Amino acid sequence: MDRTEALQEAVQAVARAKELASSAENLARTSNAGHKVSPRAEAGALWADIARTHLALAALLPDTTTEA
């Protein structure tokens, strides 16, 4: 994995976290779906952790891009 790949993985993980957080928020507003909120929120938090991990990896990896 290089820096670019790690950053791409982080972006994808952030998108997934955002999607799950939005879903949890929408479910929280629905009175009959309250039991689904916590699992989605927890999954969103996990994806946010994955995004942070990929960002940390990207910070440690050398930049392999070349400028023209």
PDB file of N, CA and C in Angstrom:
ATOM      1  N   MET A   1       0.852  -1.172   0.000  1.00  0.00           N
ATOM      2  CA  MET A   1       0.000   0.000   0.000  1.00  0.00           C
ATOM      3  C   MET A   1       0.896   1.234   0.000  1.00  0.00           C
ATOM      4  N   ASP A   2       0.552   2.187  -0.852  1.00  0.00           N
ATOM      5  CA  ASP A   2       1.294   3.444  -0.838  1.00  0.00           C
ATOM      6  C   ASP A   2       0.392   4.547  -0.259  1.00  0.00           C
ATOM      7  N   ARG A   3       0.936   5.744  -0.172  1.00  0.00           N
ATOM      8  CA  ARG A   3       0.201   6.851   0.453  1.00  0.00           C
ATOM      9  C   ARG A   3      -1.121   7.127  -0.259  1.00  0.00           C
ATOM     10  N   THR A   4      -1.099   7.122  -1.572  1.00  0.00           N
ATOM     11  CA  THR A   4      -2.314   7.396  -2.346  1.00  0.00           C
ATOM     12  C   THR A   4      -3.399   6.362  -2.051  1.00  0.00           C
ATOM     13  N   GLU A   5      -3.010   5.104  -2.003  1.00  0.00           N
ATOM     14  CA  GLU A   5      -3.980   4.042  -1.698  1.00  0.00           C
ATOM     15  C   GLU A   5      -4.542   4.195  -0.286  1.00  0.00           C
ATOM     16  N   ALA A   6      -3.676   4.524   0.652  1.00  0.00           N
ATOM     17  CA  ALA A   6      -4.128   4.710   2.031  1.00  0.00           C
ATOM     18  C   ALA A   6      -5.120   5.872   2.123  1.00  0.00           C
ATOM     19  N   LEU A   7      -4.845   6.955   1.403  1.00  0.00           N
ATOM     20  CA  LEU A   7      -5.761   8.092   1.404  1.00  0.00           C
ATOM     21  C   LEU A   7      -7.086   7.738   0.734  1.00  0.00           C
ATOM     22  N   GLN A   8      -7.027   6.958  -0.344  1.00  0.00           N
ATOM     23  CA  GLN A   8      -8.264   6.523  -1.004  1.00  0.00           C
ATOM     24  C   GLN A   8      -9.100   5.650  -0.066  1.00  0.00           C
ATOM     25  N   GLU A   9      -8.438   4.762   0.653  1.00  0.00           N
ATOM     26  CA  GLU A   9      -9.140   3.917   1.621  1.00  0.00           C
ATOM     27  C   GLU A   9      -9.772   4.779   2.718  1.00  0.00           C
ATOM     28  N   ALA A  10      -9.060   5.809   3.153  1.00  0.00           N
ATOM     29  CA  ALA A  10      -9.593   6.702   4.184  1.00  0.00           C
ATOM     30  C   ALA A  10     -10.836   7.428   3.678  1.00  0.00           C
ATOM     31  N   VAL A  11     -10.790   7.900   2.454  1.00  0.00           N
ATOM     32  CA  VAL A  11     -11.942   8.601   1.870  1.00  0.00           C
ATOM     33  C   VAL A  11     -13.151   7.675   1.793  1.00  0.00           C
ATOM     34  N   GLN A  12     -12.926   6.448   1.370  1.00  0.00           N
ATOM     35  CA  GLN A  12     -14.014   5.479   1.286  1.00  0.00           C
ATOM     36  C   GLN A  12     -14.582   5.164   2.673  1.00  0.00           C
ATOM     37  N   ALA A  13     -13.710   5.044   3.656  1.00  0.00           N
ATOM     38  CA  ALA A  13     -14.160   4.760   5.018  1.00  0.00           C
ATOM     39  C   ALA A  13     -14.953   5.928   5.596  1.00  0.00           C
ATOM     40  N   VAL A  14     -14.524   7.139   5.301  1.00  0.00           N
ATOM     41  CA  VAL A  14     -15.259   8.325   5.757  1.00  0.00           C
ATOM     42  C   VAL A  14     -16.650   8.352   5.129  1.00  0.00           C
ATOM     43  N   ALA A  15     -16.726   8.027   3.849  1.00  0.00           N
ATOM     44  CA  ALA A  15     -18.023   8.005   3.173  1.00  0.00           C
ATOM     45  C   ALA A  15     -18.950   6.975   3.817  1.00  0.00           C
ATOM     46  N   ARG A  16     -18.411   5.816   4.149  1.00  0.00           N
ATOM     47  CA  ARG A  16     -19.211   4.771   4.794  1.00  0.00           C
ATOM     48  C   ARG A  16     -19.649   5.212   6.187  1.00  0.00           C
ATOM     49  N   ALA A  17     -18.748   5.841   6.934  1.00  0.00           N
ATOM     50  CA  ALA A  17     -19.099   6.341   8.269  1.00  0.00           C
ATOM     51  C   ALA A  17     -20.205   7.386   8.181  1.00  0.00           C
ATOM     52  N   LYS A  18     -20.091   8.270   7.203  1.00  0.00           N
ATOM     53  CA  LYS A  18     -21.099   9.315   7.017  1.00  0.00           C
ATOM     54  C   LYS A  18     -22.448   8.703   6.668  1.00  0.00           C
ATOM     55  N   GLU A  19     -22.439   7.710   5.803  1.00  0.00           N
ATOM     56  CA  GLU A  19     -23.668   7.028   5.406  1.00  0.00           C
ATOM     57  C   GLU A  19     -24.350   6.364   6.610  1.00  0.00           C
ATOM     58  N   LEU A  20     -23.558   5.679   7.419  1.00  0.00           N
ATOM     59  CA  LEU A  20     -24.118   5.005   8.586  1.00  0.00           C
ATOM     60  C   LEU A  20     -24.608   5.992   9.644  1.00  0.00           C
ATOM     61  N   ALA A  21     -23.883   7.083   9.830  1.00  0.00           N
ATOM     62  CA  ALA A  21     -24.310   8.101  10.785  1.00  0.00           C
ATOM     63  C   ALA A  21     -25.625   8.737  10.348  1.00  0.00           C
ATOM     64  N   SER A  22     -25.742   9.002   9.068  1.00  0.00           N
ATOM     65  CA  SER A  22     -26.976   9.564   8.539  1.00  0.00           C
ATOM     66  C   SER A  22     -28.135   8.587   8.705  1.00  0.00           C
ATOM     67  N   SER A  23     -27.871   7.328   8.428  1.00  0.00           N
ATOM     68  CA  SER A  23     -28.891   6.297   8.594  1.00  0.00           C
ATOM     69  C   SER A  23     -29.321   6.188  10.056  1.00  0.00           C
ATOM     70  N   ALA A  24     -28.356   6.200  10.971  1.00  0.00           N
ATOM     71  CA  ALA A  24     -28.680   6.133  12.398  1.00  0.00           C
ATOM     72  C   ALA A  24     -29.508   7.338  12.824  1.00  0.00           C
ATOM     73  N   GLU A  25     -29.146   8.509  12.323  1.00  0.00           N
ATOM     74  CA  GLU A  25     -29.901   9.716  12.659  1.00  0.00           C
ATOM     75  C   GLU A  25     -31.340   9.621  12.155  1.00  0.00           C
ATOM     76  N   ASN A  26     -31.498   9.164  10.925  1.00  0.00           N
ATOM     77  CA  ASN A  26     -32.847   9.026  10.371  1.00  0.00           C
ATOM     78  C   ASN A  26     -33.670   8.002  11.154  1.00  0.00           C
ATOM     79  N   LEU A  27     -33.034   6.901  11.519  1.00  0.00           N
ATOM     80  CA  LEU A  27     -33.742   5.887  12.300  1.00  0.00           C
ATOM     81  C   LEU A  27     -34.112   6.393  13.690  1.00  0.00           C
ATOM     82  N   ALA A  28     -33.259   7.234  14.262  1.00  0.00           N
ATOM     83  CA  ALA A  28     -33.541   7.778  15.595  1.00  0.00           C
ATOM     84  C   ALA A  28     -34.798   8.645  15.575  1.00  0.00           C
ATOM     85  N   ARG A  29     -35.088   9.203  14.433  1.00  0.00           N
ATOM     86  CA  ARG A  29     -36.278  10.045  14.299  1.00  0.00           C
ATOM     87  C   ARG A  29     -37.535   9.227  14.032  1.00  0.00           C
ATOM     88  N   THR A  30     -37.366   7.945  13.756  1.00  0.00           N
ATOM     89  CA  THR A  30     -38.491   7.052  13.505  1.00  0.00           C
ATOM     90  C   THR A  30     -38.776   6.289  14.787  1.00  0.00           C
ATOM     91  N   SER A  31     -39.922   6.496  15.335  1.00  0.00           N
ATOM     92  CA  SER A  31     -40.227   5.943  16.663  1.00  0.00           C
ATOM     93  C   SER A  31     -40.192   4.418  16.713  1.00  0.00           C
ATOM     94  N   ASN A  32     -40.516   3.726  15.627  1.00  0.00           N
ATOM     95  CA  ASN A  32     -40.584   2.270  15.684  1.00  0.00           C
ATOM     96  C   ASN A  32     -39.286   1.577  15.266  1.00  0.00           C
ATOM     97  N   ALA A  33     -38.246   2.315  15.021  1.00  0.00           N
ATOM     98  CA  ALA A  33     -36.986   1.714  14.585  1.00  0.00           C
ATOM     99  C   ALA A  33     -35.835   2.017  15.539  1.00  0.00           C
ATOM    100  N   GLY A  34     -36.149   2.355  16.764  1.00  0.00           N
ATOM    101  CA  GLY A  34     -35.121   2.729  17.730  1.00  0.00           C
ATOM    102  C   GLY A  34     -34.098   1.657  18.002  1.00  0.00           C
ATOM    103  N   HIS A  35     -34.473   0.399  17.898  1.00  0.00           N
ATOM    104  CA  HIS A  35     -33.541  -0.703  18.164  1.00  0.00           C
ATOM    105  C   HIS A  35     -32.444  -0.820  17.099  1.00  0.00           C
ATOM    106  N   LYS A  36     -32.618  -0.161  15.970  1.00  0.00           N
ATOM    107  CA  LYS A  36     -31.620  -0.223  14.894  1.00  0.00           C
ATOM    108  C   LYS A  36     -30.596   0.909  14.963  1.00  0.00           C
ATOM    109  N   VAL A  37     -30.859   1.897  15.803  1.00  0.00           N
ATOM    110  CA  VAL A  37     -29.999   3.082  15.855  1.00  0.00           C
ATOM    111  C   VAL A  37     -28.614   2.744  16.381  1.00  0.00           C
ATOM    112  N   SER A  38     -28.545   2.107  17.530  1.00  0.00           N
ATOM    113  CA  SER A  38     -27.257   1.832  18.168  1.00  0.00           C
ATOM    114  C   SER A  38     -26.319   0.998  17.286  1.00  0.00           C
ATOM    115  N   PRO A  39     -26.780  -0.102  16.682  1.00  0.00           N
ATOM    116  CA  PRO A  39     -25.865  -0.872  15.833  1.00  0.00           C
ATOM    117  C   PRO A  39     -25.324  -0.064  14.650  1.00  0.00           C
ATOM    118  N   ARG A  40     -26.163   0.778  14.067  1.00  0.00           N
ATOM    119  CA  ARG A  40     -25.683   1.582  12.933  1.00  0.00           C
ATOM    120  C   ARG A  40     -24.709   2.657  13.393  1.00  0.00           C
ATOM    121  N   ALA A  41     -25.009   3.257  14.528  1.00  0.00           N
ATOM    122  CA  ALA A  41     -24.097   4.274  15.068  1.00  0.00           C
ATOM    123  C   ALA A  41     -22.750   3.648  15.419  1.00  0.00           C
ATOM    124  N   GLU A  42     -22.780   2.468  16.000  1.00  0.00           N
ATOM    125  CA  GLU A  42     -21.536   1.771  16.347  1.00  0.00           C
ATOM    126  C   GLU A  42     -20.745   1.391  15.098  1.00  0.00           C
ATOM    127  N   ALA A  43     -21.440   0.940  14.070  1.00  0.00           N
ATOM    128  CA  ALA A  43     -20.758   0.609  12.814  1.00  0.00           C
ATOM    129  C   ALA A  43     -20.154   1.867  12.192  1.00  0.00           C
ATOM    130  N   GLY A  44     -20.872   2.969  12.268  1.00  0.00           N
ATOM    131  CA  GLY A  44     -20.340   4.233  11.754  1.00  0.00           C
ATOM    132  C   GLY A  44     -19.085   4.661  12.498  1.00  0.00           C
ATOM    133  N   ALA A  45     -19.091   4.472  13.820  1.00  0.00           N
ATOM    134  CA  ALA A  45     -17.911   4.807  14.628  1.00  0.00           C
ATOM    135  C   ALA A  45     -16.727   3.922  14.251  1.00  0.00           C
ATOM    136  N   LEU A  46     -17.005   2.654  13.984  1.00  0.00           N
ATOM    137  CA  LEU A  46     -15.943   1.747  13.555  1.00  0.00           C
ATOM    138  C   LEU A  46     -15.342   2.196  12.226  1.00  0.00           C
ATOM    139  N   TRP A  47     -16.195   2.577  11.278  1.00  0.00           N
ATOM    140  CA  TRP A  47     -15.679   3.059   9.989  1.00  0.00           C
ATOM    141  C   TRP A  47     -14.895   4.353  10.157  1.00  0.00           C
ATOM    142  N   ALA A  48     -15.296   5.199  11.092  1.00  0.00           N
ATOM    143  CA  ALA A  48     -14.527   6.421  11.360  1.00  0.00           C
ATOM    144  C   ALA A  48     -13.148   6.064  11.911  1.00  0.00           C
ATOM    145  N   ASP A  49     -13.084   5.056  12.781  1.00  0.00           N
ATOM    146  CA  ASP A  49     -11.792   4.581  13.290  1.00  0.00           C
ATOM    147  C   ASP A  49     -10.928   4.039  12.152  1.00  0.00           C
ATOM    148  N   ILE A  50     -11.541   3.313  11.236  1.00  0.00           N
ATOM    149  CA  ILE A  50     -10.803   2.779  10.082  1.00  0.00           C
ATOM    150  C   ILE A  50     -10.253   3.926   9.235  1.00  0.00           C
ATOM    151  N   ALA A  51     -11.043   4.967   9.051  1.00  0.00           N
ATOM    152  CA  ALA A  51     -10.578   6.133   8.292  1.00  0.00           C
ATOM    153  C   ALA A  51      -9.372   6.769   8.971  1.00  0.00           C
ATOM    154  N   ARG A  52      -9.446   6.933  10.300  1.00  0.00           N
ATOM    155  CA  ARG A  52      -8.315   7.516  11.030  1.00  0.00           C
ATOM    156  C   ARG A  52      -7.073   6.640  10.916  1.00  0.00           C
ATOM    157  N   THR A  53      -7.263   5.337  10.936  1.00  0.00           N
ATOM    158  CA  THR A  53      -6.131   4.413  10.802  1.00  0.00           C
ATOM    159  C   THR A  53      -5.468   4.568   9.436  1.00  0.00           C
ATOM    160  N   HIS A  54      -6.268   4.648   8.389  1.00  0.00           N
ATOM    161  CA  HIS A  54      -5.694   4.825   7.051  1.00  0.00           C
ATOM    162  C   HIS A  54      -4.996   6.179   6.916  1.00  0.00           C
ATOM    163  N   LEU A  55      -5.540   7.200   7.559  1.00  0.00           N
ATOM    164  CA  LEU A  55      -4.866   8.504   7.530  1.00  0.00           C
ATOM    165  C   LEU A  55      -3.527   8.437   8.252  1.00  0.00           C
ATOM    166  N   ALA A  56      -3.489   7.721   9.366  1.00  0.00           N
ATOM    167  CA  ALA A  56      -2.228   7.566  10.095  1.00  0.00           C
ATOM    168  C   ALA A  56      -1.213   6.803   9.247  1.00  0.00           C
ATOM    169  N   LEU A  57      -1.668   5.767   8.559  1.00  0.00           N
ATOM    170  CA  LEU A  57      -0.772   5.031   7.658  1.00  0.00           C
ATOM    171  C   LEU A  57      -0.257   5.935   6.552  1.00  0.00           C
ATOM    172  N   ALA A  58      -1.146   6.716   5.974  1.00  0.00           N
ATOM    173  CA  ALA A  58      -0.742   7.614   4.891  1.00  0.00           C
ATOM    174  C   ALA A  58       0.326   8.597   5.358  1.00  0.00           C
ATOM    175  N   ALA A  59       0.202   9.048   6.593  1.00  0.00           N
ATOM    176  CA  ALA A  59       1.181   9.995   7.122  1.00  0.00           C
ATOM    177  C   ALA A  59       2.563   9.358   7.270  1.00  0.00           C
ATOM    178  N   LEU A  60       2.600   8.037   7.467  1.00  0.00           N
ATOM    179  CA  LEU A  60       3.877   7.342   7.645  1.00  0.00           C
ATOM    180  C   LEU A  60       4.499   6.878   6.335  1.00  0.00           C
ATOM    181  N   LEU A  61       3.680   6.728   5.315  1.00  0.00           N
ATOM    182  CA  LEU A  61       4.187   6.211   4.042  1.00  0.00           C
ATOM    183  C   LEU A  61       4.823   7.328   3.224  1.00  0.00           C
ATOM    184  N   PRO A  62       5.833   7.001   2.445  1.00  0.00           N
ATOM    185  CA  PRO A  62       6.470   8.028   1.612  1.00  0.00           C
ATOM    186  C   PRO A  62       5.549   8.447   0.480  1.00  0.00           C
ATOM    187  N   ASP A  63       5.679   9.687   0.077  1.00  0.00           N
ATOM    188  CA  ASP A  63       4.918  10.210  -1.042  1.00  0.00           C
ATOM    189  C   ASP A  63       5.515   9.650  -2.340  1.00  0.00           C
ATOM    190  N   THR A  64       4.703   8.951  -3.096  1.00  0.00           N
ATOM    191  CA  THR A  64       5.209   8.328  -4.333  1.00  0.00           C
ATOM    192  C   THR A  64       4.780   9.082  -5.575  1.00  0.00           C
ATOM    193  N   THR A  65       4.081  10.191  -5.383  1.00  0.00           N
ATOM    194  CA  THR A  65       3.670  10.978  -6.558  1.00  0.00           C
ATOM    195  C   THR A  65       4.847  11.791  -7.048  1.00  0.00           C
ATOM    196  N   THR A  66       4.857  12.044  -8.326  1.00  0.00           N
ATOM    197  CA  THR A  66       5.890  12.869  -8.926  1.00  0.00           C
ATOM    198  C   THR A  66       5.241  14.072  -9.577  1.00  0.00           C
ATOM    199  N   GLU A  67       5.842  15.202  -9.371  1.00  0.00           N
ATOM    200  CA  GLU A  67       5.319  16.435  -9.969  1.00  0.00           C
ATOM    201  C   GLU A  67       6.006  16.668 -11.296  1.00  0.00           C
ATOM    202  N   ALA A  68       5.247  17.170 -12.269  1.00  0.00           N
ATOM    203  CA  ALA A  68       5.792  17.418 -13.612  1.00  0.00           C
ATOM    204  C   ALA A  68       6.565  18.697 -13.673  1.00  0.00           C
TER     205      ALA A  68
END
